[in-house]
């Protein structure tokens, strides 16, 4: 299965100058927790998550309308291409410890977003006779790798308490 077959083709996105209130509204409308951040030419320059916004609003002491996405976005973008095999996307998610990727076309422009949920929803049970090439075991292994550092941090915090 190709990334193109599983990705969200019309993702919500925002620009670096978007304020956090507007970014939050976009996430609410799009029922998502991740926005690619694009320049006016469509090139991806970062990503912002619902967690980034929550931490910023809880620690900066400023209203959401006064904080821009540029201030809180992550400029390291984990991505894949529409024509990549979905296994490439899974490997990128595992290695980057992220659950969502920007899908960027050959010209560097945002083409979509693919998430673990998108892939998981397309995994077919063997009984159906359909084979997408992705197994539930593979999904579980990637999720374990993504979340392994969270478990290590939690264990360390609990031990310190």
N, C-alpha and C. Protein backbone atom coordinates (compact mmCIF):
# COMPACT_ATOMS: atom_id res chain seq x y z
N UNK A 1 0.85 -1.17 0.00
CA UNK A 1 0.00 0.00 0.00
C UNK A 1 0.89 1.24 0.00
N UNK A 2 0.51 2.20 -0.78
CA UNK A 2 1.24 3.47 -0.87
C UNK A 2 0.68 4.48 0.12
N UNK A 3 1.52 5.43 0.53
CA UNK A 3 1.09 6.51 1.41
C UNK A 3 -0.11 7.22 0.80
N UNK A 4 -0.07 7.43 -0.50
CA UNK A 4 -1.15 8.09 -1.23
C UNK A 4 -2.51 7.43 -0.97
N UNK A 5 -2.51 6.11 -0.76
CA UNK A 5 -3.75 5.36 -0.55
C UNK A 5 -4.33 5.54 0.85
N UNK A 6 -3.53 6.02 1.80
CA UNK A 6 -3.98 6.11 3.19
C UNK A 6 -4.01 7.53 3.74
N UNK A 7 -3.34 8.45 3.08
CA UNK A 7 -3.17 9.79 3.66
C UNK A 7 -4.43 10.64 3.54
N UNK A 8 -4.50 11.66 4.41
CA UNK A 8 -5.54 12.69 4.33
C UNK A 8 -5.04 13.68 3.29
N UNK A 9 -5.77 13.83 2.20
CA UNK A 9 -5.32 14.66 1.08
C UNK A 9 -5.56 16.15 1.27
N UNK A 10 -6.49 16.51 2.11
CA UNK A 10 -6.78 17.94 2.31
C UNK A 10 -6.65 18.27 3.79
N UNK A 11 -5.43 18.22 4.29
CA UNK A 11 -5.25 18.45 5.73
C UNK A 11 -5.39 19.92 6.09
N UNK A 12 -5.77 20.14 7.32
CA UNK A 12 -5.73 21.49 7.85
C UNK A 12 -4.27 21.83 8.07
N UNK A 13 -3.93 23.08 7.85
CA UNK A 13 -2.56 23.55 8.07
C UNK A 13 -2.63 25.02 8.46
N UNK A 14 -1.51 25.56 8.87
CA UNK A 14 -1.49 26.97 9.24
C UNK A 14 -0.15 27.58 8.84
N UNK A 15 -0.03 28.88 9.00
CA UNK A 15 1.21 29.58 8.70
C UNK A 15 1.92 29.93 10.01
N UNK A 16 3.21 30.21 9.95
CA UNK A 16 3.96 30.52 11.17
C UNK A 16 3.37 31.69 11.96
N UNK A 17 2.77 32.65 11.30
CA UNK A 17 2.21 33.81 11.98
C UNK A 17 0.82 33.61 12.56
N UNK A 18 0.24 32.44 12.35
CA UNK A 18 -1.08 32.13 12.90
C UNK A 18 -0.99 32.15 14.43
N UNK A 19 -1.99 32.74 15.09
CA UNK A 19 -1.95 32.72 16.56
C UNK A 19 -2.49 31.39 17.07
N UNK A 20 -2.18 31.08 18.32
CA UNK A 20 -2.56 29.78 18.88
C UNK A 20 -4.07 29.61 19.00
N UNK A 21 -4.80 30.69 19.20
CA UNK A 21 -6.25 30.58 19.23
C UNK A 21 -6.80 30.09 17.90
N UNK A 22 -6.28 30.64 16.82
CA UNK A 22 -6.73 30.22 15.48
C UNK A 22 -6.27 28.81 15.17
N UNK A 23 -5.05 28.46 15.57
CA UNK A 23 -4.55 27.10 15.34
C UNK A 23 -5.41 26.09 16.10
N UNK A 24 -5.77 26.43 17.33
CA UNK A 24 -6.63 25.54 18.13
C UNK A 24 -7.98 25.36 17.45
N UNK A 25 -8.54 26.44 16.91
CA UNK A 25 -9.82 26.35 16.21
C UNK A 25 -9.71 25.45 14.98
N UNK A 26 -8.61 25.55 14.25
CA UNK A 26 -8.40 24.68 13.09
C UNK A 26 -8.35 23.21 13.51
N UNK A 27 -7.66 22.94 14.62
CA UNK A 27 -7.59 21.55 15.10
C UNK A 27 -8.97 21.05 15.50
N UNK A 28 -9.76 21.92 16.14
CA UNK A 28 -11.10 21.54 16.56
C UNK A 28 -11.96 21.24 15.33
N UNK A 29 -11.93 22.14 14.35
CA UNK A 29 -12.73 21.95 13.12
C UNK A 29 -12.30 20.69 12.37
N UNK A 30 -11.00 20.45 12.32
CA UNK A 30 -10.48 19.31 11.58
C UNK A 30 -10.41 18.03 12.37
N UNK A 31 -10.81 18.08 13.66
CA UNK A 31 -10.73 16.92 14.53
C UNK A 31 -9.34 16.28 14.47
N UNK A 32 -8.34 17.13 14.64
CA UNK A 32 -6.97 16.65 14.58
C UNK A 32 -6.13 17.30 15.68
N UNK A 33 -4.98 16.75 15.95
CA UNK A 33 -4.10 17.29 16.97
C UNK A 33 -2.75 17.67 16.42
N UNK A 34 -2.69 17.91 15.12
CA UNK A 34 -1.42 18.13 14.43
C UNK A 34 -1.68 19.00 13.21
N UNK A 35 -0.92 20.08 13.10
CA UNK A 35 -1.03 20.94 11.92
C UNK A 35 0.34 21.13 11.30
N UNK A 36 0.49 20.81 10.02
CA UNK A 36 1.71 21.23 9.34
C UNK A 36 1.71 22.76 9.27
N UNK A 37 2.88 23.33 9.38
CA UNK A 37 3.04 24.78 9.29
C UNK A 37 3.68 25.07 7.94
N UNK A 38 3.00 25.85 7.11
CA UNK A 38 3.46 26.08 5.75
C UNK A 38 3.65 27.57 5.49
N UNK A 39 4.61 27.87 4.65
CA UNK A 39 4.80 29.24 4.17
C UNK A 39 3.77 29.50 3.08
N UNK A 40 3.70 30.71 2.60
CA UNK A 40 2.70 31.07 1.59
C UNK A 40 2.86 30.27 0.29
N UNK A 41 4.05 29.74 0.04
CA UNK A 41 4.28 28.94 -1.17
C UNK A 41 3.93 27.46 -0.99
N UNK A 42 3.41 27.11 0.19
CA UNK A 42 3.01 25.73 0.45
C UNK A 42 4.11 24.85 1.00
N UNK A 43 5.32 25.38 1.14
CA UNK A 43 6.44 24.58 1.66
C UNK A 43 6.29 24.43 3.18
N UNK A 44 6.52 23.22 3.65
CA UNK A 44 6.37 22.92 5.07
C UNK A 44 7.63 23.37 5.82
N UNK A 45 7.41 24.19 6.86
CA UNK A 45 8.54 24.71 7.66
C UNK A 45 8.50 24.22 9.10
N UNK A 46 7.45 23.49 9.46
CA UNK A 46 7.35 22.97 10.82
C UNK A 46 6.02 22.29 11.04
N UNK A 47 5.81 21.87 12.28
CA UNK A 47 4.55 21.29 12.69
C UNK A 47 4.23 21.80 14.09
N UNK A 48 2.95 21.85 14.40
CA UNK A 48 2.52 22.22 15.75
C UNK A 48 1.47 21.19 16.17
N UNK A 49 1.56 20.76 17.43
CA UNK A 49 0.63 19.77 17.95
C UNK A 49 -0.24 20.39 19.04
N UNK A 50 -1.31 19.68 19.36
CA UNK A 50 -2.17 20.14 20.44
C UNK A 50 -1.39 20.21 21.75
N UNK A 51 -0.44 19.33 21.93
CA UNK A 51 0.40 19.36 23.13
C UNK A 51 1.27 20.61 23.15
N UNK A 52 1.86 20.97 22.01
CA UNK A 52 2.67 22.19 21.93
C UNK A 52 1.84 23.40 22.37
N UNK A 53 0.61 23.45 21.90
CA UNK A 53 -0.26 24.58 22.22
C UNK A 53 -0.62 24.58 23.70
N UNK A 54 -0.97 23.43 24.22
CA UNK A 54 -1.36 23.32 25.63
C UNK A 54 -0.21 23.74 26.55
N UNK A 55 0.99 23.25 26.28
CA UNK A 55 2.15 23.60 27.11
C UNK A 55 2.44 25.09 27.00
N UNK A 56 2.37 25.64 25.80
CA UNK A 56 2.63 27.08 25.62
C UNK A 56 1.63 27.92 26.39
N UNK A 57 0.36 27.57 26.31
CA UNK A 57 -0.66 28.36 27.00
C UNK A 57 -0.55 28.22 28.51
N UNK A 58 -0.09 27.07 28.96
CA UNK A 58 0.05 26.85 30.39
C UNK A 58 1.31 27.44 31.00
N UNK A 59 2.27 27.81 30.16
CA UNK A 59 3.56 28.26 30.70
C UNK A 59 3.96 29.68 30.32
N UNK A 60 3.31 30.26 29.36
CA UNK A 60 3.75 31.57 28.86
C UNK A 60 3.05 32.76 29.48
N UNK A 61 1.94 32.54 30.13
CA UNK A 61 1.23 33.64 30.78
C UNK A 61 0.72 34.71 29.82
N UNK A 62 0.42 34.28 28.59
CA UNK A 62 -0.10 35.21 27.59
C UNK A 62 -1.33 34.59 26.95
N UNK A 63 -2.25 35.41 26.49
CA UNK A 63 -3.45 34.88 25.81
C UNK A 63 -3.09 34.21 24.48
N UNK A 64 -3.94 33.28 24.07
CA UNK A 64 -3.69 32.52 22.84
C UNK A 64 -3.57 33.41 21.60
N UNK A 65 -4.24 34.54 21.61
CA UNK A 65 -4.18 35.45 20.46
C UNK A 65 -2.88 36.21 20.35
N UNK A 66 -2.06 36.15 21.40
CA UNK A 66 -0.78 36.88 21.40
C UNK A 66 0.43 35.98 21.15
N UNK A 67 0.22 34.69 21.07
CA UNK A 67 1.32 33.74 20.85
C UNK A 67 1.18 33.17 19.44
N UNK A 68 2.24 33.23 18.67
CA UNK A 68 2.17 32.70 17.30
C UNK A 68 2.65 31.25 17.25
N UNK A 69 2.21 30.57 16.24
CA UNK A 69 2.65 29.20 15.99
C UNK A 69 4.16 29.16 15.84
N UNK A 70 4.75 30.16 15.22
CA UNK A 70 6.21 30.23 15.04
C UNK A 70 6.95 30.06 16.37
N UNK A 71 6.37 30.60 17.44
CA UNK A 71 7.01 30.54 18.76
C UNK A 71 7.02 29.15 19.37
N UNK A 72 6.10 28.30 18.98
CA UNK A 72 5.97 26.99 19.64
C UNK A 72 6.10 25.80 18.71
N UNK A 73 6.16 26.03 17.41
CA UNK A 73 6.21 24.91 16.46
C UNK A 73 7.55 24.19 16.54
N UNK A 74 7.53 22.96 16.09
CA UNK A 74 8.74 22.17 15.93
C UNK A 74 9.18 22.32 14.49
N UNK A 75 10.42 22.75 14.29
CA UNK A 75 10.88 22.94 12.91
C UNK A 75 11.48 21.67 12.31
N UNK A 76 11.68 20.65 13.13
CA UNK A 76 12.13 19.36 12.59
C UNK A 76 10.88 18.63 12.09
N UNK A 77 10.76 18.51 10.80
CA UNK A 77 9.58 17.91 10.18
C UNK A 77 9.88 16.49 9.77
N UNK A 78 9.15 15.54 10.33
CA UNK A 78 9.24 14.14 9.89
C UNK A 78 8.23 14.00 8.76
N UNK A 79 8.69 13.48 7.64
CA UNK A 79 7.81 13.46 6.47
C UNK A 79 8.06 12.24 5.61
N UNK A 80 7.18 12.09 4.65
CA UNK A 80 7.32 11.06 3.63
C UNK A 80 6.73 11.62 2.35
N UNK A 81 6.81 10.84 1.28
CA UNK A 81 6.28 11.25 -0.02
C UNK A 81 5.02 10.45 -0.34
N UNK A 82 4.12 11.00 -1.15
CA UNK A 82 2.89 10.28 -1.50
C UNK A 82 3.16 8.92 -2.14
N UNK A 83 4.23 8.83 -2.91
CA UNK A 83 4.51 7.57 -3.62
C UNK A 83 5.28 6.56 -2.79
N UNK A 84 5.68 6.92 -1.57
CA UNK A 84 6.37 5.98 -0.70
C UNK A 84 5.46 4.83 -0.31
N UNK A 85 6.05 3.67 -0.09
CA UNK A 85 5.31 2.56 0.48
C UNK A 85 4.97 2.92 1.92
N UNK A 86 3.83 2.46 2.41
CA UNK A 86 3.41 2.80 3.77
C UNK A 86 4.43 2.30 4.81
N UNK A 87 5.20 1.28 4.47
CA UNK A 87 6.24 0.79 5.39
C UNK A 87 7.32 1.85 5.60
N UNK A 88 7.58 2.66 4.60
CA UNK A 88 8.54 3.77 4.75
C UNK A 88 7.99 4.77 5.77
N UNK A 89 6.71 5.07 5.66
CA UNK A 89 6.07 5.98 6.62
C UNK A 89 6.13 5.42 8.03
N UNK A 90 5.84 4.13 8.19
CA UNK A 90 5.89 3.51 9.51
C UNK A 90 7.30 3.56 10.09
N UNK A 91 8.30 3.31 9.27
CA UNK A 91 9.69 3.35 9.71
C UNK A 91 10.06 4.78 10.14
N UNK A 92 9.61 5.77 9.38
CA UNK A 92 9.88 7.17 9.73
C UNK A 92 9.20 7.54 11.05
N UNK A 93 7.98 7.08 11.23
CA UNK A 93 7.27 7.33 12.49
C UNK A 93 8.01 6.68 13.66
N UNK A 94 8.41 5.44 13.46
CA UNK A 94 9.13 4.71 14.52
C UNK A 94 10.44 5.42 14.87
N UNK A 95 11.23 5.73 13.86
CA UNK A 95 12.54 6.35 14.09
C UNK A 95 12.42 7.75 14.69
N UNK A 96 11.39 8.50 14.27
CA UNK A 96 11.20 9.85 14.78
C UNK A 96 10.35 9.91 16.04
N UNK A 97 9.81 8.76 16.42
CA UNK A 97 8.91 8.65 17.59
C UNK A 97 7.74 9.64 17.48
N UNK A 98 7.10 9.61 16.31
CA UNK A 98 5.95 10.47 16.05
C UNK A 98 4.82 9.62 15.47
N UNK A 99 3.59 10.07 15.66
CA UNK A 99 2.42 9.34 15.19
C UNK A 99 1.83 9.91 13.92
N UNK A 100 2.37 11.06 13.47
CA UNK A 100 1.82 11.72 12.28
C UNK A 100 2.98 12.27 11.46
N UNK A 101 2.80 12.22 10.15
CA UNK A 101 3.82 12.74 9.23
C UNK A 101 3.19 13.70 8.23
N UNK A 102 3.93 14.73 7.90
CA UNK A 102 3.55 15.56 6.75
C UNK A 102 3.91 14.75 5.50
N UNK A 103 3.05 14.78 4.53
CA UNK A 103 3.33 14.14 3.24
C UNK A 103 3.68 15.27 2.28
N UNK A 104 4.90 15.23 1.79
CA UNK A 104 5.43 16.33 0.99
C UNK A 104 5.75 15.83 -0.42
N UNK A 105 5.26 16.55 -1.41
CA UNK A 105 5.48 16.12 -2.80
C UNK A 105 6.90 16.47 -3.27
N UNK A 106 7.19 16.11 -4.52
CA UNK A 106 8.54 16.30 -5.07
C UNK A 106 9.01 17.74 -5.09
N UNK A 107 8.06 18.68 -5.13
CA UNK A 107 8.44 20.10 -5.15
C UNK A 107 8.53 20.69 -3.74
N UNK A 108 8.34 19.85 -2.71
CA UNK A 108 8.46 20.32 -1.34
C UNK A 108 7.19 20.92 -0.77
N UNK A 109 6.07 20.75 -1.47
CA UNK A 109 4.79 21.32 -1.05
C UNK A 109 3.97 20.27 -0.31
N UNK A 110 3.23 20.71 0.70
CA UNK A 110 2.37 19.81 1.47
C UNK A 110 1.34 19.15 0.55
N UNK A 111 1.32 17.82 0.57
CA UNK A 111 0.36 17.07 -0.24
C UNK A 111 -0.69 16.40 0.64
N UNK A 112 -0.39 16.26 1.93
CA UNK A 112 -1.31 15.59 2.84
C UNK A 112 -0.66 15.33 4.17
N UNK A 113 -1.36 14.53 4.97
CA UNK A 113 -0.88 14.09 6.28
C UNK A 113 -1.24 12.62 6.41
N UNK A 114 -0.35 11.85 7.00
CA UNK A 114 -0.67 10.45 7.29
C UNK A 114 -0.39 10.21 8.77
N UNK A 115 -1.31 9.48 9.40
CA UNK A 115 -1.17 9.19 10.83
C UNK A 115 -1.20 7.69 11.06
N UNK A 116 -0.83 7.31 12.28
CA UNK A 116 -0.95 5.90 12.65
C UNK A 116 -2.40 5.45 12.51
N UNK A 117 -3.33 6.32 12.87
CA UNK A 117 -4.75 5.97 12.75
C UNK A 117 -5.13 5.68 11.30
N UNK A 118 -4.62 6.51 10.37
CA UNK A 118 -4.92 6.29 8.95
C UNK A 118 -4.47 4.90 8.51
N UNK A 119 -3.29 4.51 8.95
CA UNK A 119 -2.74 3.21 8.56
C UNK A 119 -3.51 2.09 9.27
N UNK A 120 -3.74 2.26 10.56
CA UNK A 120 -4.44 1.25 11.34
C UNK A 120 -5.82 0.96 10.77
N UNK A 121 -6.53 1.98 10.34
CA UNK A 121 -7.87 1.80 9.81
C UNK A 121 -7.89 1.06 8.47
N UNK A 122 -6.74 0.95 7.83
CA UNK A 122 -6.68 0.28 6.52
C UNK A 122 -6.07 -1.12 6.58
N UNK A 123 -5.64 -1.53 7.77
CA UNK A 123 -5.11 -2.89 7.93
C UNK A 123 -6.28 -3.85 7.84
N UNK A 124 -6.18 -4.81 6.97
CA UNK A 124 -7.25 -5.77 6.77
C UNK A 124 -6.97 -7.05 7.56
N UNK A 125 -8.01 -7.61 8.10
CA UNK A 125 -7.90 -8.89 8.78
C UNK A 125 -7.65 -9.97 7.75
N UNK A 126 -6.82 -10.95 8.08
CA UNK A 126 -6.54 -12.03 7.12
C UNK A 126 -7.79 -12.74 6.61
N UNK A 127 -8.83 -12.81 7.42
CA UNK A 127 -10.06 -13.51 7.03
C UNK A 127 -10.76 -12.84 5.85
N UNK A 128 -10.50 -11.56 5.61
CA UNK A 128 -11.17 -10.86 4.51
C UNK A 128 -10.58 -11.21 3.16
N UNK A 129 -9.37 -11.75 3.17
CA UNK A 129 -8.71 -12.08 1.92
C UNK A 129 -8.00 -10.90 1.28
N UNK A 130 -8.17 -9.72 1.84
CA UNK A 130 -7.49 -8.52 1.34
C UNK A 130 -6.15 -8.38 2.05
N UNK A 131 -5.14 -7.98 1.32
CA UNK A 131 -3.83 -7.83 1.92
C UNK A 131 -3.26 -6.46 1.57
N UNK A 132 -3.14 -5.60 2.57
CA UNK A 132 -2.57 -4.28 2.35
C UNK A 132 -1.06 -4.29 2.54
N UNK A 133 -0.54 -5.41 3.03
CA UNK A 133 0.89 -5.50 3.27
C UNK A 133 1.30 -5.00 4.64
N UNK A 134 0.34 -4.56 5.44
CA UNK A 134 0.63 -4.07 6.79
C UNK A 134 -0.09 -4.98 7.77
N UNK A 135 0.64 -5.44 8.77
CA UNK A 135 0.03 -6.32 9.76
C UNK A 135 -0.25 -5.54 11.05
N UNK A 136 -1.18 -6.04 11.82
CA UNK A 136 -1.47 -5.42 13.11
C UNK A 136 -0.26 -5.53 14.03
N UNK A 137 0.50 -6.59 13.90
CA UNK A 137 1.72 -6.75 14.71
C UNK A 137 2.73 -5.64 14.38
N UNK A 138 2.83 -5.30 13.12
CA UNK A 138 3.73 -4.21 12.72
C UNK A 138 3.29 -2.88 13.33
N UNK A 139 1.99 -2.63 13.32
CA UNK A 139 1.45 -1.40 13.92
C UNK A 139 1.77 -1.36 15.41
N UNK A 140 1.56 -2.47 16.10
CA UNK A 140 1.84 -2.53 17.54
C UNK A 140 3.32 -2.28 17.80
N UNK A 141 4.19 -2.89 17.01
CA UNK A 141 5.64 -2.69 17.19
C UNK A 141 6.04 -1.22 17.01
N UNK A 142 5.46 -0.56 16.02
CA UNK A 142 5.78 0.86 15.80
C UNK A 142 5.26 1.69 16.96
N UNK A 143 4.04 1.44 17.41
CA UNK A 143 3.49 2.19 18.54
C UNK A 143 4.32 1.97 19.81
N UNK A 144 4.79 0.76 20.03
CA UNK A 144 5.65 0.51 21.19
C UNK A 144 6.94 1.31 21.09
N UNK A 145 7.52 1.37 19.92
CA UNK A 145 8.76 2.14 19.74
C UNK A 145 8.52 3.63 19.94
N UNK A 146 7.41 4.13 19.42
CA UNK A 146 7.08 5.55 19.56
C UNK A 146 6.90 5.91 21.04
N UNK A 147 6.24 5.05 21.78
CA UNK A 147 5.89 5.34 23.16
C UNK A 147 6.93 4.88 24.18
N UNK A 148 7.97 4.20 23.76
CA UNK A 148 8.95 3.67 24.71
C UNK A 148 9.63 4.77 25.51
N UNK A 149 9.92 5.90 24.91
CA UNK A 149 10.59 6.97 25.67
C UNK A 149 9.64 7.60 26.68
N UNK A 150 8.33 7.61 26.39
CA UNK A 150 7.36 8.12 27.35
C UNK A 150 7.32 7.24 28.60
N UNK A 151 7.38 5.93 28.40
CA UNK A 151 7.37 4.99 29.51
C UNK A 151 8.63 5.16 30.36
N UNK A 152 9.78 5.35 29.71
CA UNK A 152 11.02 5.53 30.46
C UNK A 152 10.97 6.82 31.30
N UNK A 153 10.42 7.89 30.75
CA UNK A 153 10.29 9.14 31.51
C UNK A 153 9.33 8.98 32.68
N UNK A 154 8.23 8.30 32.46
CA UNK A 154 7.25 8.09 33.52
C UNK A 154 7.85 7.26 34.65
N UNK A 155 8.58 6.20 34.31
CA UNK A 155 9.22 5.35 35.31
C UNK A 155 10.22 6.15 36.12
N UNK A 156 11.01 7.01 35.47
CA UNK A 156 11.99 7.84 36.15
C UNK A 156 11.31 8.82 37.10
N UNK A 157 10.22 9.44 36.65
CA UNK A 157 9.49 10.39 37.50
C UNK A 157 8.88 9.69 38.71
N UNK A 158 8.33 8.50 38.50
CA UNK A 158 7.73 7.75 39.61
C UNK A 158 8.79 7.34 40.62
N UNK A 159 9.96 6.96 40.16
CA UNK A 159 11.04 6.55 41.05
C UNK A 159 11.53 7.73 41.88
N UNK A 160 11.54 8.92 41.27
CA UNK A 160 12.01 10.12 41.98
C UNK A 160 11.01 10.57 43.04
N UNK A 161 9.74 10.26 42.82
CA UNK A 161 8.69 10.68 43.77
C UNK A 161 8.69 9.76 44.94
